[in-house]
Amino acid sequence: MSEEARLREDICRMARSIFDRGLTGGSSGNISALLSDGRLLVTPTGSSFGTLDPARLSLFDPQGRLIGGDKPTKEMPLHLAFYETRPVKTGAVVHLHSCHSVALSMLPEVDPDNMLPPLTAYSIMKLGKVKLLPYFIPGDPAMGDAIRGLAGKRSAVMLANHGPVVAGKDLEAAVYAVEELEETAKLALLTHGRKPKVLTDAQVGEIVRSFDVEWD
């Protein structure tokens, strides 16, 4: 199986897993992933993660021109901003409309510079600090500009009242990281108002040093 055929299958397989577990529903969410020659595979607009067809994924050439497949997601500005600002560290981008992370983004006390409380080591290891961005109408190119404004310092952002966008070194890394974001948001909501025992600054610092976490 060629690299492209394998990646097409992997995108659809992982998207189906995300859909089956209720992490994004209907025709929401989108995934993109790079091939080694610089071409980009993207889930099409209006498609469901539960029924993706590998042959119909949108295909872009290295210059950003659509050369095959269906019309791509309207959220392309989100994806392209990560590839442009984190070119060495980004091999895939995943955007979901996951319930708990969206709910957490609506709480007024959430820190916009780091929306996830330090509840577990794994959210820090996989995500670093998650920037909460303001609300944008879906498809607004300004979303991409907001990510570019972070100058490549964050691998994960949360669009207020919308959903998370996470970049990873490859498809698996991006999927696992966005799943960790959703699980941590769920923990935050479950413990909200109960004064949970969070990790101390010293414990967070040890994780950052031990696992070379981006923490700017």
N, C-alpha and C. Protein backbone atom coordinates (compact mmCIF):
# COMPACT_ATOMS: atom_id res chain seq x y z
N MET A 1 0.85 -1.19 0.00
CA MET A 1 0.00 0.00 0.00
C MET A 1 0.89 1.25 0.00
N SER A 2 0.57 2.22 -0.84
CA SER A 2 1.36 3.44 -0.92
C SER A 2 1.15 4.30 0.33
N GLU A 3 2.07 5.26 0.52
CA GLU A 3 1.94 6.18 1.65
C GLU A 3 0.61 6.92 1.60
N GLU A 4 0.23 7.39 0.41
CA GLU A 4 -1.02 8.14 0.30
C GLU A 4 -2.23 7.27 0.62
N ALA A 5 -2.26 6.05 0.09
CA ALA A 5 -3.39 5.16 0.35
C ALA A 5 -3.49 4.83 1.84
N ARG A 6 -2.34 4.62 2.47
CA ARG A 6 -2.34 4.30 3.90
C ARG A 6 -2.85 5.48 4.72
N LEU A 7 -2.41 6.70 4.37
CA LEU A 7 -2.84 7.87 5.13
C LEU A 7 -4.33 8.13 4.93
N ARG A 8 -4.81 7.92 3.72
CA ARG A 8 -6.26 8.07 3.48
C ARG A 8 -7.05 7.11 4.39
N GLU A 9 -6.61 5.89 4.46
CA GLU A 9 -7.28 4.90 5.30
C GLU A 9 -7.18 5.27 6.78
N ASP A 10 -6.01 5.74 7.19
CA ASP A 10 -5.81 6.09 8.59
C ASP A 10 -6.70 7.27 9.01
N ILE A 11 -6.81 8.27 8.15
CA ILE A 11 -7.67 9.42 8.46
C ILE A 11 -9.10 8.95 8.67
N CYS A 12 -9.61 8.13 7.76
CA CYS A 12 -11.00 7.66 7.86
C CYS A 12 -11.20 6.74 9.06
N ARG A 13 -10.20 5.90 9.35
CA ARG A 13 -10.31 4.98 10.49
C ARG A 13 -10.35 5.75 11.80
N MET A 14 -9.46 6.73 11.95
CA MET A 14 -9.41 7.47 13.20
C MET A 14 -10.61 8.41 13.33
N ALA A 15 -11.05 8.96 12.22
CA ALA A 15 -12.25 9.81 12.25
C ALA A 15 -13.46 9.00 12.69
N ARG A 16 -13.57 7.77 12.18
CA ARG A 16 -14.70 6.91 12.56
C ARG A 16 -14.65 6.59 14.06
N SER A 17 -13.47 6.37 14.59
CA SER A 17 -13.33 6.11 16.01
C SER A 17 -13.77 7.32 16.83
N ILE A 18 -13.37 8.51 16.40
CA ILE A 18 -13.78 9.74 17.07
C ILE A 18 -15.30 9.88 17.05
N PHE A 19 -15.89 9.61 15.89
CA PHE A 19 -17.35 9.74 15.73
C PHE A 19 -18.08 8.71 16.59
N ASP A 20 -17.62 7.47 16.55
CA ASP A 20 -18.30 6.40 17.28
C ASP A 20 -18.31 6.64 18.78
N ARG A 21 -17.31 7.34 19.29
CA ARG A 21 -17.24 7.63 20.72
C ARG A 21 -17.88 8.96 21.09
N GLY A 22 -18.54 9.60 20.12
CA GLY A 22 -19.29 10.82 20.39
C GLY A 22 -18.44 12.05 20.65
N LEU A 23 -17.19 12.06 20.16
CA LEU A 23 -16.34 13.22 20.38
C LEU A 23 -16.60 14.35 19.40
N THR A 24 -17.28 14.05 18.33
CA THR A 24 -17.82 15.08 17.43
C THR A 24 -18.97 14.42 16.68
N GLY A 25 -20.00 15.19 16.39
CA GLY A 25 -21.20 14.58 15.83
C GLY A 25 -21.65 15.22 14.53
N GLY A 26 -22.64 14.60 13.90
CA GLY A 26 -23.18 15.14 12.65
C GLY A 26 -22.09 15.26 11.60
N SER A 27 -22.05 16.41 10.96
CA SER A 27 -21.01 16.66 9.95
C SER A 27 -19.95 17.62 10.49
N SER A 28 -19.80 17.67 11.82
CA SER A 28 -18.84 18.59 12.43
C SER A 28 -17.45 17.97 12.48
N GLY A 29 -16.46 18.83 12.62
CA GLY A 29 -15.08 18.40 12.75
C GLY A 29 -14.38 18.23 11.42
N ASN A 30 -13.07 18.35 11.44
CA ASN A 30 -12.26 18.15 10.24
C ASN A 30 -10.84 17.77 10.61
N ILE A 31 -10.20 17.07 9.69
CA ILE A 31 -8.84 16.57 9.88
C ILE A 31 -8.03 16.88 8.62
N SER A 32 -6.77 17.23 8.81
CA SER A 32 -5.84 17.32 7.69
C SER A 32 -4.55 16.63 8.09
N ALA A 33 -3.83 16.11 7.08
CA ALA A 33 -2.56 15.44 7.35
C ALA A 33 -1.66 15.55 6.12
N LEU A 34 -0.38 15.77 6.38
CA LEU A 34 0.61 15.95 5.32
C LEU A 34 1.19 14.64 4.85
N LEU A 35 1.42 14.56 3.55
CA LEU A 35 2.23 13.50 2.97
C LEU A 35 3.68 13.95 2.92
N SER A 36 4.60 13.02 2.79
CA SER A 36 6.02 13.35 2.84
C SER A 36 6.47 14.27 1.71
N ASP A 37 5.72 14.29 0.61
CA ASP A 37 6.08 15.15 -0.52
C ASP A 37 5.44 16.53 -0.43
N GLY A 38 4.80 16.85 0.69
CA GLY A 38 4.21 18.17 0.88
C GLY A 38 2.76 18.30 0.48
N ARG A 39 2.18 17.25 -0.12
CA ARG A 39 0.75 17.30 -0.42
C ARG A 39 -0.06 17.14 0.87
N LEU A 40 -1.29 17.63 0.85
CA LEU A 40 -2.10 17.67 2.06
C LEU A 40 -3.45 17.00 1.79
N LEU A 41 -3.81 16.05 2.65
CA LEU A 41 -5.13 15.41 2.60
C LEU A 41 -6.03 16.05 3.66
N VAL A 42 -7.27 16.36 3.27
CA VAL A 42 -8.19 17.07 4.15
C VAL A 42 -9.59 16.45 4.03
N THR A 43 -10.30 16.37 5.15
CA THR A 43 -11.68 15.88 5.09
C THR A 43 -12.57 16.90 4.39
N PRO A 44 -13.52 16.44 3.58
CA PRO A 44 -14.34 17.36 2.78
C PRO A 44 -15.38 18.11 3.62
N THR A 45 -15.85 19.21 3.08
CA THR A 45 -16.90 19.98 3.73
C THR A 45 -18.19 19.18 3.79
N GLY A 46 -18.93 19.35 4.87
CA GLY A 46 -20.22 18.71 5.01
C GLY A 46 -20.18 17.21 5.21
N SER A 47 -19.00 16.65 5.47
CA SER A 47 -18.87 15.20 5.61
C SER A 47 -18.95 14.80 7.08
N SER A 48 -19.38 13.58 7.32
CA SER A 48 -19.44 13.03 8.67
C SER A 48 -18.23 12.17 8.94
N PHE A 49 -17.65 12.30 10.12
CA PHE A 49 -16.52 11.46 10.49
C PHE A 49 -16.91 9.98 10.49
N GLY A 50 -18.20 9.70 10.60
CA GLY A 50 -18.64 8.31 10.65
C GLY A 50 -18.72 7.63 9.31
N THR A 51 -18.70 8.40 8.21
CA THR A 51 -18.92 7.81 6.88
C THR A 51 -17.94 8.33 5.84
N LEU A 52 -16.74 8.69 6.23
CA LEU A 52 -15.78 9.21 5.27
C LEU A 52 -15.36 8.15 4.25
N ASP A 53 -15.19 8.59 3.02
CA ASP A 53 -14.72 7.73 1.93
C ASP A 53 -13.27 8.11 1.64
N PRO A 54 -12.31 7.20 1.80
CA PRO A 54 -10.91 7.54 1.55
C PRO A 54 -10.66 8.15 0.18
N ALA A 55 -11.40 7.70 -0.82
CA ALA A 55 -11.17 8.17 -2.19
C ALA A 55 -11.65 9.60 -2.41
N ARG A 56 -12.51 10.10 -1.51
CA ARG A 56 -13.12 11.42 -1.70
C ARG A 56 -12.48 12.51 -0.84
N LEU A 57 -11.44 12.17 -0.08
CA LEU A 57 -10.76 13.20 0.70
C LEU A 57 -10.18 14.26 -0.24
N SER A 58 -10.21 15.50 0.19
CA SER A 58 -9.65 16.59 -0.60
C SER A 58 -8.13 16.47 -0.61
N LEU A 59 -7.54 16.70 -1.77
CA LEU A 59 -6.08 16.60 -1.92
C LEU A 59 -5.53 17.90 -2.47
N PHE A 60 -4.57 18.47 -1.74
CA PHE A 60 -3.92 19.71 -2.15
C PHE A 60 -2.47 19.44 -2.53
N ASP A 61 -1.98 20.17 -3.52
CA ASP A 61 -0.57 20.06 -3.86
C ASP A 61 0.25 20.92 -2.89
N PRO A 62 1.58 20.84 -2.93
CA PRO A 62 2.40 21.60 -1.97
C PRO A 62 2.22 23.11 -2.07
N GLN A 63 1.69 23.59 -3.18
CA GLN A 63 1.44 25.03 -3.34
C GLN A 63 0.05 25.45 -2.85
N GLY A 64 -0.70 24.50 -2.29
CA GLY A 64 -2.00 24.83 -1.73
C GLY A 64 -3.14 24.81 -2.73
N ARG A 65 -2.95 24.17 -3.89
CA ARG A 65 -4.01 24.09 -4.90
C ARG A 65 -4.75 22.77 -4.77
N LEU A 66 -6.08 22.82 -4.82
CA LEU A 66 -6.89 21.61 -4.77
C LEU A 66 -6.70 20.84 -6.06
N ILE A 67 -6.25 19.57 -5.96
CA ILE A 67 -5.96 18.80 -7.17
C ILE A 67 -6.76 17.49 -7.23
N GLY A 68 -7.59 17.24 -6.21
CA GLY A 68 -8.38 16.02 -6.25
C GLY A 68 -9.35 15.93 -5.09
N GLY A 69 -10.37 15.09 -5.27
CA GLY A 69 -11.33 14.87 -4.21
C GLY A 69 -12.42 15.91 -4.16
N ASP A 70 -13.22 15.84 -3.10
CA ASP A 70 -14.35 16.75 -2.92
C ASP A 70 -13.88 18.11 -2.42
N LYS A 71 -14.81 19.06 -2.38
CA LYS A 71 -14.53 20.39 -1.85
C LYS A 71 -14.11 20.28 -0.40
N PRO A 72 -13.03 20.96 0.01
CA PRO A 72 -12.53 20.79 1.38
C PRO A 72 -13.36 21.53 2.42
N THR A 73 -13.09 21.22 3.68
CA THR A 73 -13.73 21.92 4.77
C THR A 73 -13.54 23.43 4.67
N LYS A 74 -14.54 24.16 5.14
CA LYS A 74 -14.44 25.62 5.16
C LYS A 74 -13.49 26.12 6.24
N GLU A 75 -13.03 25.20 7.10
CA GLU A 75 -12.12 25.58 8.19
C GLU A 75 -10.65 25.48 7.78
N MET A 76 -10.38 25.50 6.49
CA MET A 76 -8.99 25.43 6.02
C MET A 76 -8.09 26.49 6.65
N PRO A 77 -8.57 27.72 6.92
CA PRO A 77 -7.68 28.71 7.55
C PRO A 77 -7.08 28.23 8.87
N LEU A 78 -7.83 27.46 9.65
CA LEU A 78 -7.32 26.92 10.90
C LEU A 78 -6.14 25.99 10.65
N HIS A 79 -6.31 25.10 9.69
CA HIS A 79 -5.29 24.10 9.40
C HIS A 79 -4.03 24.75 8.82
N LEU A 80 -4.22 25.60 7.84
CA LEU A 80 -3.07 26.21 7.16
C LEU A 80 -2.25 27.07 8.11
N ALA A 81 -2.91 27.71 9.06
CA ALA A 81 -2.17 28.57 10.00
C ALA A 81 -1.19 27.75 10.83
N PHE A 82 -1.58 26.54 11.23
CA PHE A 82 -0.66 25.70 11.99
C PHE A 82 0.48 25.20 11.12
N TYR A 83 0.20 24.79 9.88
CA TYR A 83 1.28 24.33 9.00
C TYR A 83 2.26 25.45 8.70
N GLU A 84 1.76 26.67 8.61
CA GLU A 84 2.62 27.82 8.29
C GLU A 84 3.49 28.24 9.48
N THR A 85 2.91 28.20 10.68
CA THR A 85 3.63 28.73 11.84
C THR A 85 4.40 27.68 12.62
N ARG A 86 4.08 26.40 12.40
CA ARG A 86 4.79 25.31 13.07
C ARG A 86 5.18 24.25 12.02
N PRO A 87 5.93 24.64 11.00
CA PRO A 87 6.16 23.73 9.86
C PRO A 87 6.93 22.46 10.21
N VAL A 88 7.84 22.52 11.14
CA VAL A 88 8.64 21.35 11.49
C VAL A 88 7.86 20.41 12.41
N LYS A 89 7.00 20.98 13.25
CA LYS A 89 6.32 20.21 14.29
C LYS A 89 4.91 19.77 13.91
N THR A 90 4.42 20.19 12.75
CA THR A 90 3.04 19.88 12.40
C THR A 90 2.97 18.96 11.19
N GLY A 91 2.44 17.74 11.42
CA GLY A 91 2.18 16.81 10.34
C GLY A 91 0.70 16.54 10.16
N ALA A 92 -0.10 16.99 11.14
CA ALA A 92 -1.55 16.80 11.07
C ALA A 92 -2.23 17.79 12.00
N VAL A 93 -3.49 18.12 11.67
CA VAL A 93 -4.30 19.04 12.48
C VAL A 93 -5.69 18.43 12.61
N VAL A 94 -6.23 18.46 13.84
CA VAL A 94 -7.57 17.93 14.09
C VAL A 94 -8.41 19.01 14.77
N HIS A 95 -9.60 19.22 14.24
CA HIS A 95 -10.56 20.18 14.81
C HIS A 95 -11.85 19.44 15.11
N LEU A 96 -12.32 19.51 16.35
CA LEU A 96 -13.56 18.86 16.76
C LEU A 96 -14.54 19.86 17.33
N HIS A 97 -15.79 19.43 17.48
CA HIS A 97 -16.81 20.18 18.21
C HIS A 97 -17.16 19.39 19.47
N SER A 98 -16.14 19.01 20.22
CA SER A 98 -16.31 18.13 21.37
C SER A 98 -17.00 18.85 22.53
N CYS A 99 -17.97 18.17 23.11
CA CYS A 99 -18.93 18.77 24.04
C CYS A 99 -18.29 19.42 25.26
N HIS A 100 -17.46 18.68 25.98
CA HIS A 100 -16.96 19.20 27.25
C HIS A 100 -15.98 20.35 27.07
N SER A 101 -15.15 20.29 26.05
CA SER A 101 -14.22 21.39 25.83
C SER A 101 -14.97 22.66 25.40
N VAL A 102 -16.02 22.51 24.60
CA VAL A 102 -16.83 23.67 24.23
C VAL A 102 -17.51 24.25 25.47
N ALA A 103 -18.06 23.38 26.31
CA ALA A 103 -18.73 23.85 27.52
C ALA A 103 -17.75 24.61 28.42
N LEU A 104 -16.54 24.08 28.57
CA LEU A 104 -15.55 24.74 29.41
C LEU A 104 -15.18 26.12 28.85
N SER A 105 -15.16 26.24 27.53
CA SER A 105 -14.79 27.52 26.92
C SER A 105 -15.79 28.63 27.23
N MET A 106 -16.99 28.27 27.66
CA MET A 106 -18.04 29.25 27.94
C MET A 106 -18.00 29.80 29.36
N LEU A 107 -17.22 29.16 30.25
CA LEU A 107 -17.20 29.60 31.64
C LEU A 107 -16.39 30.88 31.78
N PRO A 108 -16.93 31.88 32.45
CA PRO A 108 -16.26 33.19 32.51
C PRO A 108 -14.94 33.18 33.25
N GLU A 109 -14.72 32.23 34.17
CA GLU A 109 -13.50 32.23 34.96
C GLU A 109 -12.34 31.50 34.29
N VAL A 110 -12.55 30.96 33.11
CA VAL A 110 -11.47 30.24 32.42
C VAL A 110 -10.35 31.20 32.03
N ASP A 111 -9.11 30.77 32.28
CA ASP A 111 -7.94 31.57 31.93
C ASP A 111 -7.72 31.49 30.41
N PRO A 112 -7.84 32.61 29.70
CA PRO A 112 -7.70 32.54 28.23
C PRO A 112 -6.30 32.15 27.77
N ASP A 113 -5.29 32.34 28.61
CA ASP A 113 -3.93 31.97 28.21
C ASP A 113 -3.65 30.50 28.43
N ASN A 114 -4.43 29.86 29.31
CA ASN A 114 -4.21 28.45 29.62
C ASN A 114 -5.53 27.88 30.15
N MET A 115 -6.40 27.46 29.24
CA MET A 115 -7.78 27.18 29.64
C MET A 115 -7.95 25.90 30.45
N LEU A 116 -6.98 25.00 30.40
CA LEU A 116 -7.12 23.74 31.14
C LEU A 116 -6.42 23.84 32.49
N PRO A 117 -7.13 23.56 33.57
CA PRO A 117 -6.45 23.51 34.88
C PRO A 117 -5.50 22.32 34.92
N PRO A 118 -4.43 22.40 35.73
CA PRO A 118 -3.44 21.30 35.79
C PRO A 118 -3.95 20.14 36.62
N LEU A 119 -4.86 19.37 36.05
CA LEU A 119 -5.47 18.25 36.78
C LEU A 119 -4.69 16.96 36.64
N THR A 120 -4.07 16.73 35.48
CA THR A 120 -3.28 15.52 35.25
C THR A 120 -1.98 15.88 34.54
N ALA A 121 -1.02 14.98 34.63
CA ALA A 121 0.24 15.20 33.92
C ALA A 121 0.06 15.12 32.42
N TYR A 122 -0.88 14.29 31.97
CA TYR A 122 -0.96 13.99 30.54
C TYR A 122 -1.46 15.15 29.70
N SER A 123 -2.34 15.96 30.23
CA SER A 123 -2.78 17.13 29.45
C SER A 123 -1.62 18.09 29.24
N ILE A 124 -0.76 18.22 30.25
CA ILE A 124 0.41 19.09 30.12
C ILE A 124 1.40 18.51 29.12
N MET A 125 1.65 17.20 29.23
CA MET A 125 2.60 16.54 28.35
C MET A 125 2.18 16.61 26.88
N LYS A 126 0.90 16.39 26.61
CA LYS A 126 0.44 16.28 25.23
C LYS A 126 0.03 17.61 24.60
N LEU A 127 -0.30 18.61 25.44
CA LEU A 127 -0.89 19.84 24.91
C LEU A 127 -0.12 21.11 25.24
N GLY A 128 0.67 21.10 26.33
CA GLY A 128 1.22 22.36 26.81
C GLY A 128 0.09 23.26 27.26
N LYS A 129 0.25 24.54 27.08
CA LYS A 129 -0.82 25.48 27.41
C LYS A 129 -1.80 25.57 26.24
N VAL A 130 -3.08 25.55 26.53
CA VAL A 130 -4.11 25.65 25.50
C VAL A 130 -4.68 27.06 25.51
N LYS A 131 -4.49 27.78 24.44
CA LYS A 131 -4.95 29.17 24.32
C LYS A 131 -6.44 29.20 23.98
N LEU A 132 -7.20 29.96 24.75
CA LEU A 132 -8.61 30.17 24.43
C LEU A 132 -8.73 31.40 23.54
N LEU A 133 -9.17 31.17 22.30
CA LEU A 133 -9.37 32.27 21.36
C LEU A 133 -10.81 32.73 21.40
N PRO A 134 -11.08 33.96 20.95
CA PRO A 134 -12.46 34.45 20.96
C PRO A 134 -13.35 33.71 19.98
N TYR A 135 -14.63 34.00 20.02
CA TYR A 135 -15.58 33.41 19.07
C TYR A 135 -15.40 34.04 17.70
N PHE A 136 -15.42 33.20 16.68
CA PHE A 136 -15.44 33.63 15.28
C PHE A 136 -16.56 32.87 14.58
N ILE A 137 -17.18 33.49 13.61
CA ILE A 137 -18.16 32.77 12.81
C ILE A 137 -17.44 31.66 12.07
N PRO A 138 -18.02 30.45 11.98
CA PRO A 138 -17.34 29.34 11.30
C PRO A 138 -16.89 29.70 9.88
N GLY A 139 -15.66 29.34 9.58
CA GLY A 139 -15.10 29.61 8.27
C GLY A 139 -14.43 30.97 8.14
N ASP A 140 -14.51 31.80 9.16
CA ASP A 140 -13.92 33.14 9.11
C ASP A 140 -12.39 33.03 9.00
N PRO A 141 -11.78 33.64 7.97
CA PRO A 141 -10.31 33.59 7.85
C PRO A 141 -9.61 34.20 9.06
N ALA A 142 -10.32 35.03 9.83
CA ALA A 142 -9.71 35.65 11.01
C ALA A 142 -9.28 34.61 12.03
N MET A 143 -9.89 33.42 12.00
CA MET A 143 -9.46 32.35 12.90
C MET A 143 -8.01 31.96 12.61
N GLY A 144 -7.69 31.86 11.33
CA GLY A 144 -6.31 31.55 10.96
C GLY A 144 -5.37 32.66 11.37
N ASP A 145 -5.81 33.91 11.23
CA ASP A 145 -4.97 35.04 11.64
C ASP A 145 -4.71 35.00 13.14
N ALA A 146 -5.72 34.60 13.93
CA ALA A 146 -5.55 34.52 15.37
C ALA A 146 -4.51 33.47 15.74
N ILE A 147 -4.51 32.35 15.02
CA ILE A 147 -3.51 31.32 15.28
C ILE A 147 -2.12 31.79 14.84
N ARG A 148 -2.05 32.48 13.71
CA ARG A 148 -0.75 33.02 13.27
C ARG A 148 -0.21 34.01 14.28
N GLY A 149 -1.12 34.73 14.95
CA GLY A 149 -0.70 35.71 15.95
C GLY A 149 0.00 35.09 17.14
N LEU A 150 -0.13 33.77 17.31
CA LEU A 150 0.56 33.08 18.39
C LEU A 150 1.99 32.72 18.02
N ALA A 151 2.37 32.98 16.78
CA ALA A 151 3.75 32.82 16.30
C ALA A 151 4.30 31.41 16.51
N GLY A 152 3.43 30.41 16.40
CA GLY A 152 3.88 29.03 16.49
C GLY A 152 4.17 28.55 17.89
N LYS A 153 3.79 29.31 18.91
CA LYS A 153 4.13 28.95 20.29
C LYS A 153 3.15 27.97 20.93
N ARG A 154 2.01 27.73 20.30
CA ARG A 154 1.02 26.81 20.87
C ARG A 154 0.67 25.72 19.85
N SER A 155 0.55 24.50 20.34
CA SER A 155 0.13 23.39 19.47
C SER A 155 -1.38 23.16 19.56
N ALA A 156 -2.04 23.80 20.52
CA ALA A 156 -3.47 23.59 20.72
C ALA A 156 -4.15 24.90 21.07
N VAL A 157 -5.29 25.14 20.44
CA VAL A 157 -6.11 26.29 20.78
C VAL A 157 -7.55 25.83 20.94
N MET A 158 -8.32 26.63 21.64
CA MET A 158 -9.75 26.38 21.79
C MET A 158 -10.50 27.59 21.25
N LEU A 159 -11.35 27.37 20.28
CA LEU A 159 -12.20 28.42 19.74
C LEU A 159 -13.43 28.53 20.64
N ALA A 160 -13.61 29.67 21.26
CA ALA A 160 -14.73 29.84 22.20
C ALA A 160 -16.05 29.53 21.53
N ASN A 161 -16.90 28.78 22.23
CA ASN A 161 -18.24 28.42 21.74
C ASN A 161 -18.20 27.65 20.42
N HIS A 162 -17.11 26.96 20.17
CA HIS A 162 -16.94 26.29 18.87
C HIS A 162 -16.25 24.93 19.02
N GLY A 163 -14.96 24.93 19.37
CA GLY A 163 -14.28 23.65 19.50
C GLY A 163 -12.77 23.77 19.46
N PRO A 164 -12.07 22.70 19.85
CA PRO A 164 -10.61 22.70 19.88
C PRO A 164 -9.99 22.45 18.51
N VAL A 165 -8.78 22.99 18.35
CA VAL A 165 -7.97 22.74 17.16
C VAL A 165 -6.57 22.37 17.66
N VAL A 166 -6.09 21.19 17.28
CA VAL A 166 -4.83 20.69 17.82
C VAL A 166 -3.93 20.22 16.68
N ALA A 167 -2.68 20.62 16.73
CA ALA A 167 -1.68 20.18 15.76
C ALA A 167 -0.75 19.17 16.42
N GLY A 168 -0.30 18.18 15.65
CA GLY A 168 0.63 17.19 16.15
C GLY A 168 1.66 16.84 15.11
N LYS A 169 2.70 16.12 15.53
CA LYS A 169 3.77 15.77 14.59
C LYS A 169 3.29 14.81 13.51
N ASP A 170 2.23 14.05 13.83
CA ASP A 170 1.61 13.17 12.85
C ASP A 170 0.14 12.98 13.23
N LEU A 171 -0.58 12.20 12.46
CA LEU A 171 -2.01 12.04 12.67
C LEU A 171 -2.32 11.47 14.05
N GLU A 172 -1.62 10.42 14.44
CA GLU A 172 -1.89 9.81 15.74
C GLU A 172 -1.66 10.81 16.87
N ALA A 173 -0.56 11.54 16.82
CA ALA A 173 -0.25 12.49 17.88
C ALA A 173 -1.32 13.56 17.99
N ALA A 174 -1.80 14.06 16.86
CA ALA A 174 -2.83 15.10 16.89
C ALA A 174 -4.15 14.56 17.45
N VAL A 175 -4.52 13.35 17.04
CA VAL A 175 -5.76 12.75 17.54
C VAL A 175 -5.67 12.48 19.03
N TYR A 176 -4.57 11.90 19.48
CA TYR A 176 -4.42 11.59 20.90
C TYR A 176 -4.43 12.87 21.74
N ALA A 177 -3.83 13.93 21.23
CA ALA A 177 -3.78 15.18 21.97
C ALA A 177 -5.16 15.82 22.09
N VAL A 178 -5.93 15.84 21.00
CA VAL A 178 -7.26 16.44 21.08
C VAL A 178 -8.17 15.62 21.97
N GLU A 179 -7.98 14.31 22.00
CA GLU A 179 -8.76 13.47 22.91
C GLU A 179 -8.39 13.78 24.36
N GLU A 180 -7.10 14.01 24.62
CA GLU A 180 -6.67 14.38 25.98
C GLU A 180 -7.27 15.72 26.39
N LEU A 181 -7.37 16.65 25.44
CA LEU A 181 -7.98 17.95 25.72
C LEU A 181 -9.43 17.77 26.15
N GLU A 182 -10.16 16.96 25.42
CA GLU A 182 -11.57 16.74 25.74
C GLU A 182 -11.73 16.05 27.10
N GLU A 183 -10.90 15.06 27.38
CA GLU A 183 -11.00 14.36 28.66
C GLU A 183 -10.66 15.27 29.83
N THR A 184 -9.68 16.15 29.64
CA THR A 184 -9.31 17.07 30.72
C THR A 184 -10.40 18.11 30.93
N ALA A 185 -11.02 18.56 29.84
CA ALA A 185 -12.15 19.49 29.97
C ALA A 185 -13.31 18.82 30.72
N LYS A 186 -13.51 17.54 30.44
CA LYS A 186 -14.56 16.80 31.15
C LYS A 186 -14.25 16.74 32.64
N LEU A 187 -13.00 16.44 33.01
CA LEU A 187 -12.59 16.43 34.40
C LEU A 187 -12.79 17.80 35.05
N ALA A 188 -12.45 18.85 34.30
CA ALA A 188 -12.60 20.21 34.83
C ALA A 188 -14.05 20.52 35.15
N LEU A 189 -14.96 20.08 34.28
CA LEU A 189 -16.38 20.33 34.52
C LEU A 189 -16.91 19.47 35.68
N LEU A 190 -16.44 18.22 35.76
CA LEU A 190 -16.88 17.33 36.84
C LEU A 190 -16.45 17.85 38.22
N THR A 191 -15.30 18.51 38.25
CA THR A 191 -14.78 19.00 39.54
C THR A 191 -15.03 20.49 39.74
N HIS A 192 -15.71 21.13 38.79
CA HIS A 192 -15.94 22.57 38.86
C HIS A 192 -16.70 22.95 40.13
N GLY A 193 -16.16 23.91 40.87
CA GLY A 193 -16.80 24.37 42.09
C GLY A 193 -16.53 23.51 43.30
N ARG A 194 -15.73 22.44 43.15
CA ARG A 194 -15.47 21.53 44.27
C ARG A 194 -14.05 21.67 44.82
N LYS A 195 -13.32 22.64 44.36
CA LYS A 195 -11.96 22.91 44.82
C LYS A 195 -11.07 21.67 44.72
N PRO A 196 -10.90 21.13 43.52
CA PRO A 196 -10.08 19.92 43.37
C PRO A 196 -8.61 20.21 43.69
N LYS A 197 -7.88 19.17 44.05
CA LYS A 197 -6.45 19.30 44.31
C LYS A 197 -5.71 19.21 42.97
N VAL A 198 -5.31 20.36 42.45
CA VAL A 198 -4.61 20.40 41.17
C VAL A 198 -3.12 20.21 41.41
N LEU A 199 -2.40 19.95 40.33
CA LEU A 199 -0.94 19.84 40.43
C LEU A 199 -0.35 21.18 40.84
N THR A 200 0.69 21.12 41.66
CA THR A 200 1.35 22.35 42.10
C THR A 200 2.23 22.91 40.99
N ASP A 201 2.65 24.17 41.17
CA ASP A 201 3.55 24.78 40.19
C ASP A 201 4.84 23.97 40.07
N ALA A 202 5.32 23.44 41.20
CA ALA A 202 6.55 22.65 41.18
C ALA A 202 6.34 21.35 40.40
N GLN A 203 5.20 20.73 40.57
CA GLN A 203 4.90 19.50 39.84
C GLN A 203 4.75 19.76 38.34
N VAL A 204 4.09 20.86 38.01
CA VAL A 204 3.96 21.23 36.60
C VAL A 204 5.34 21.49 36.00
N GLY A 205 6.17 22.22 36.72
CA GLY A 205 7.52 22.51 36.24
C GLY A 205 8.34 21.26 36.00
N GLU A 206 8.18 20.27 36.87
CA GLU A 206 8.90 19.01 36.70
C GLU A 206 8.46 18.29 35.43
N ILE A 207 7.15 18.31 35.15
CA ILE A 207 6.63 17.69 33.92
C ILE A 207 7.17 18.42 32.69
N VAL A 208 7.14 19.74 32.74
CA VAL A 208 7.61 20.55 31.61
C VAL A 208 9.08 20.24 31.30
N ARG A 209 9.90 20.15 32.35
CA ARG A 209 11.34 19.87 32.16
C ARG A 209 11.57 18.43 31.71
N SER A 210 10.87 17.50 32.32
CA SER A 210 11.11 16.08 32.05
C SER A 210 10.70 15.67 30.65
N PHE A 211 9.63 16.30 30.14
CA PHE A 211 9.09 15.88 28.84
C PHE A 211 9.26 16.96 27.77
N ASP A 212 10.11 17.97 28.05
CA ASP A 212 10.42 19.02 27.09
C ASP A 212 9.16 19.64 26.50
N VAL A 213 8.25 20.04 27.39
CA VAL A 213 6.95 20.60 26.99
C VAL A 213 7.11 22.09 26.65
N GLU A 214 6.45 22.50 25.57
CA GLU A 214 6.40 23.92 25.24
C GLU A 214 5.49 24.60 26.27
N TRP A 215 6.00 25.61 26.96
CA TRP A 215 5.25 26.20 28.06
C TRP A 215 5.39 27.72 28.09
N ASP A 216 5.42 28.35 26.92
CA ASP A 216 5.54 29.82 26.85
C ASP A 216 4.16 30.46 26.90
